Amino acid sequence: MAGILLLVFLIPFLLYSGQQEQKIKKVKTIIVNNFEKGSIWNSLENRSGAFQKEPSYCFVDLGENKPGSRYIETSGHYLILDYAKKTEGGPGNEGGWCGWYTLLKTDDNIYLNLTGYNYIRFYFKPVNGNEDFIVGMADKKWDLIEDSVKLQNPVKDYVTKKFKSGWLEVIIPFSDFEDLCLDRMSSFAIVFEPGKGTLYMDNITIGYDPKYDSSTY
């Protein structure tokens, strides 16, 4: 009898737990930046912008698709980054650095909780065809030392779709960023590799998909 009563008690609890887990997994997509604000603020109402160390540089501008354009990969405004990553000159004759960032945390250090999410997606277009960059993300501990976790693999390994317009879709599982605390996320950034060029970016989003639950992607 006691066993039956225990089972009667546990069934609703197990059903509730399953529903809670499913609820967590059905998270909504977060729009980090679709560049429609036309300012340094992203879609989360946090800052974004270029960073650089001379003699390298990165200039930011916005482009706009022609009225009536219906691209799957981008719409409205998109980010334009004109950059040059030097290999010599400046402090230590190392050429400096350059790139672009967008903050996931607020200016008063409220970090974004991404528990239940497992990938970041964005679209980019290398205008000259040879623009190359490294992707990094930071949580609170990396933010405090002003650094980020960089991907070990090149960004081209994460291209999931190629469009006739030249745009590329990238999806990166969070599991490929080692040592990140998803409940206290600070920023997303790209760091340019040596070279000079122009890069377009658009529609940076964060979401959940079961196939990205591990780094087997």
Protein backbone atom coordinates (compact mmCIF):
# COMPACT_ATOMS: atom_id res chain seq x y z
CA MET A 1 0.00 0.00 0.00
CA ALA A 2 2.84 2.36 0.91
CA GLY A 3 4.45 1.66 -2.45
CA ILE A 4 1.24 2.52 -4.29
CA LEU A 5 0.88 5.76 -2.36
CA LEU A 6 4.50 6.68 -3.14
CA LEU A 7 3.92 6.01 -6.82
CA VAL A 8 0.76 8.15 -6.80
CA PHE A 9 2.81 10.95 -5.26
CA LEU A 10 5.75 10.62 -7.64
CA ILE A 11 3.80 10.50 -10.93
CA PRO A 12 2.60 14.13 -10.79
CA PHE A 13 6.07 15.21 -9.66
CA LEU A 14 7.77 13.41 -12.56
CA LEU A 15 5.27 14.80 -15.04
CA TYR A 16 5.83 18.30 -13.67
CA SER A 17 9.63 17.88 -13.87
CA GLY A 18 9.35 16.72 -17.47
CA GLN A 19 7.17 19.68 -18.33
CA GLN A 20 9.67 22.05 -16.69
CA GLU A 21 12.58 20.56 -18.64
CA GLN A 22 10.61 20.81 -21.88
CA LYS A 23 9.72 24.40 -21.04
CA ILE A 24 13.40 25.25 -20.64
CA LYS A 25 14.27 23.63 -23.95
CA LYS A 26 11.57 25.57 -25.81
CA VAL A 27 13.35 28.87 -25.34
CA LYS A 28 12.63 31.77 -27.64
CA THR A 29 15.23 33.06 -30.06
CA ILE A 30 17.07 36.13 -28.77
CA ILE A 31 17.85 38.83 -31.33
CA VAL A 32 21.24 40.21 -30.31
CA ASN A 33 21.66 42.63 -33.20
CA ASN A 34 19.80 43.10 -36.48
CA PHE A 35 21.31 46.59 -36.96
CA GLU A 36 17.95 48.28 -37.42
CA LYS A 37 18.54 50.84 -34.64
CA GLY A 38 21.15 52.71 -36.65
CA SER A 39 23.23 53.38 -33.53
CA ILE A 40 25.89 51.83 -31.27
CA TRP A 41 23.13 50.10 -29.30
CA ASN A 42 22.17 46.53 -30.16
CA SER A 43 18.76 44.88 -30.00
CA LEU A 44 19.29 44.13 -26.28
CA GLU A 45 19.71 47.87 -25.59
CA ASN A 46 23.42 47.33 -24.89
CA ARG A 47 26.48 48.81 -26.59
CA SER A 48 28.28 47.50 -29.65
CA GLY A 49 31.18 48.91 -31.64
CA ALA A 50 34.68 48.53 -33.04
CA PHE A 51 37.90 48.08 -31.08
CA GLN A 52 41.37 48.72 -32.45
CA LYS A 53 45.01 49.18 -31.56
CA GLU A 54 47.24 51.16 -33.91
CA PRO A 55 48.43 50.75 -36.56
CA SER A 56 45.50 48.37 -37.19
CA TYR A 57 42.04 49.88 -37.57
CA CYS A 58 38.36 49.03 -37.94
CA PHE A 59 35.74 51.52 -39.19
CA VAL A 60 32.01 50.89 -38.69
CA ASP A 61 29.17 51.86 -41.01
CA LEU A 62 25.67 50.63 -41.88
CA GLY A 63 24.44 49.50 -45.28
CA GLU A 64 20.83 49.18 -46.38
CA ASN A 65 19.26 46.76 -48.79
CA LYS A 66 17.31 48.17 -51.70
CA PRO A 67 13.59 48.66 -51.07
CA GLY A 68 11.72 45.50 -52.00
CA SER A 69 14.73 43.21 -51.51
CA ARG A 70 13.72 39.95 -49.87
CA TYR A 71 16.87 38.16 -48.88
CA ILE A 72 16.52 35.17 -46.58
CA GLU A 73 19.86 35.96 -44.99
CA THR A 74 19.51 39.68 -44.33
CA SER A 75 16.94 42.47 -44.39
CA GLY A 76 16.88 46.20 -43.82
CA HIS A 77 20.22 47.45 -42.48
CA TYR A 78 23.41 45.45 -42.09
CA LEU A 79 26.78 46.13 -40.49
CA ILE A 80 29.79 47.19 -42.59
CA LEU A 81 33.29 46.76 -41.18
CA ASP A 82 36.23 48.23 -43.12
CA TYR A 83 39.41 47.04 -41.47
CA ALA A 84 43.14 46.50 -41.76
CA LYS A 85 44.95 44.13 -39.39
CA LYS A 86 48.64 44.95 -39.65
CA THR A 87 51.43 42.47 -38.94
CA GLU A 88 54.03 45.00 -37.84
CA GLY A 89 54.32 48.44 -36.29
CA GLY A 90 52.97 49.79 -33.02
CA PRO A 91 53.79 48.44 -29.52
CA GLY A 92 56.13 45.48 -29.72
CA ASN A 93 56.10 45.83 -33.50
CA GLU A 94 53.20 43.35 -33.52
CA GLY A 95 50.86 45.40 -35.69
CA GLY A 96 48.16 46.00 -33.10
CA TRP A 97 44.68 44.47 -33.42
CA CYS A 98 41.14 45.25 -34.53
CA GLY A 99 37.63 43.83 -34.45
CA TRP A 100 34.05 44.41 -33.43
CA TYR A 101 32.01 43.55 -30.31
CA THR A 102 28.45 43.55 -29.05
CA LEU A 103 27.63 43.45 -25.34
CA LEU A 104 25.32 40.87 -23.82
CA LYS A 105 25.59 42.54 -20.41
CA THR A 106 24.28 45.97 -19.46
CA ASP A 107 26.47 48.98 -18.65
CA ASP A 108 25.78 48.43 -14.95
CA ASN A 109 27.10 44.85 -15.22
CA ILE A 110 23.91 42.83 -15.29
CA TYR A 111 25.01 39.71 -17.17
CA LEU A 112 22.76 37.84 -19.60
CA ASN A 113 21.50 34.41 -18.51
CA LEU A 114 21.64 32.05 -21.49
CA THR A 115 20.78 28.88 -19.60
CA GLY A 116 18.69 26.71 -21.93
CA TYR A 117 20.24 28.15 -25.10
CA ASN A 118 22.93 26.30 -27.03
CA TYR A 119 24.00 28.19 -30.17
CA ILE A 120 24.70 31.57 -31.70
CA ARG A 121 23.84 32.27 -35.35
CA PHE A 122 24.88 35.12 -37.60
CA TYR A 123 25.29 35.97 -41.27
CA PHE A 124 28.36 37.52 -42.86
CA LYS A 125 29.63 38.42 -46.30
CA PRO A 126 33.34 38.74 -47.13
CA VAL A 127 33.24 41.46 -49.78
CA ASN A 128 36.64 40.67 -51.28
CA GLY A 129 36.29 36.96 -50.55
CA ASN A 130 39.36 36.60 -48.32
CA GLU A 131 38.32 38.43 -45.14
CA ASP A 132 39.06 36.24 -42.12
CA PHE A 133 38.31 36.56 -38.42
CA ILE A 134 38.20 34.71 -35.10
CA VAL A 135 35.00 34.46 -33.03
CA GLY A 136 35.07 34.95 -29.26
CA MET A 137 32.57 35.02 -26.40
CA ALA A 138 32.99 36.11 -22.79
CA ASP A 139 31.22 35.36 -19.53
CA LYS A 140 31.68 37.27 -16.26
CA LYS A 141 35.08 35.81 -15.34
CA TRP A 142 36.52 36.50 -18.79
CA ASP A 143 34.95 39.95 -18.78
CA LEU A 144 36.72 40.82 -15.53
CA ILE A 145 40.12 40.16 -17.15
CA GLU A 146 39.02 41.87 -20.40
CA ASP A 147 39.39 38.77 -22.54
CA SER A 148 37.20 36.11 -24.16
CA VAL A 149 37.11 32.44 -25.13
CA LYS A 150 38.15 32.11 -28.76
CA LEU A 151 37.07 29.29 -31.07
CA GLN A 152 39.77 26.76 -31.84
CA ASN A 153 38.39 26.13 -35.34
CA PRO A 154 38.20 28.72 -38.15
CA VAL A 155 34.83 30.36 -38.72
CA LYS A 156 34.56 28.70 -42.16
CA ASP A 157 34.11 25.35 -40.37
CA TYR A 158 30.78 26.63 -39.00
CA VAL A 159 29.24 27.81 -42.27
CA THR A 160 25.88 26.02 -42.64
CA LYS A 161 24.50 27.78 -45.73
CA LYS A 162 25.89 29.67 -48.70
CA PHE A 163 23.66 32.09 -50.59
CA LYS A 164 23.95 33.27 -54.18
CA SER A 165 24.17 36.83 -52.88
CA GLY A 166 27.53 35.99 -51.24
CA TRP A 167 26.15 35.91 -47.69
CA LEU A 168 27.08 32.97 -45.45
CA GLU A 169 25.12 31.59 -42.50
CA VAL A 170 27.15 30.54 -39.45
CA ILE A 171 25.87 28.53 -36.47
CA ILE A 172 28.25 27.94 -33.55
CA PRO A 173 27.28 25.60 -30.69
CA PHE A 174 28.08 27.04 -27.26
CA SER A 175 29.73 23.71 -26.41
CA ASP A 176 32.59 24.66 -28.76
CA PHE A 177 33.49 27.59 -26.49
CA GLU A 178 35.44 26.02 -23.63
CA ASP A 179 34.96 27.16 -20.04
CA LEU A 180 31.92 29.46 -20.41
CA CYS A 181 29.30 30.03 -17.70
CA LEU A 182 26.13 30.51 -19.73
CA ASP A 183 24.22 32.03 -16.82
CA ARG A 184 26.52 35.09 -16.73
CA MET A 185 27.33 36.04 -20.32
CA SER A 186 29.07 39.30 -21.18
CA SER A 187 29.85 39.70 -24.89
CA PHE A 188 30.26 38.39 -28.42
CA ALA A 189 33.15 39.58 -30.59
CA ILE A 190 35.06 39.01 -33.81
CA VAL A 191 38.80 39.62 -34.07
CA PHE A 192 40.24 40.11 -37.53
CA GLU A 193 43.15 38.06 -38.81
CA PRO A 194 46.01 39.82 -40.69
CA GLY A 195 44.84 41.45 -43.89
CA LYS A 196 42.70 44.26 -45.20
CA GLY A 197 39.12 44.18 -46.39
CA THR A 198 35.42 44.79 -45.87
CA LEU A 199 33.05 42.51 -44.00
CA TYR A 200 29.25 42.66 -43.84
CA MET A 201 27.36 41.19 -40.87
CA ASP A 202 23.67 40.85 -40.01
CA ASN A 203 21.08 39.12 -37.82
CA ILE A 204 23.05 37.87 -34.82
CA THR A 205 20.72 35.62 -32.83
CA ILE A 206 20.89 33.11 -29.98
CA GLY A 207 18.65 30.04 -29.79
CA TYR A 208 18.20 26.38 -28.97
CA ASP A 209 18.28 23.30 -31.20
CA PRO A 210 18.63 19.68 -29.93
CA LYS A 211 21.26 18.85 -32.54
CA TYR A 212 23.66 21.37 -30.96
CA ASP A 213 23.43 19.87 -27.48
CA SER A 214 26.97 18.54 -27.81
CA SER A 215 30.11 19.42 -29.74
CA THR A 216 29.54 16.58 -32.24
CA TYR A 217 28.41 19.19 -34.81
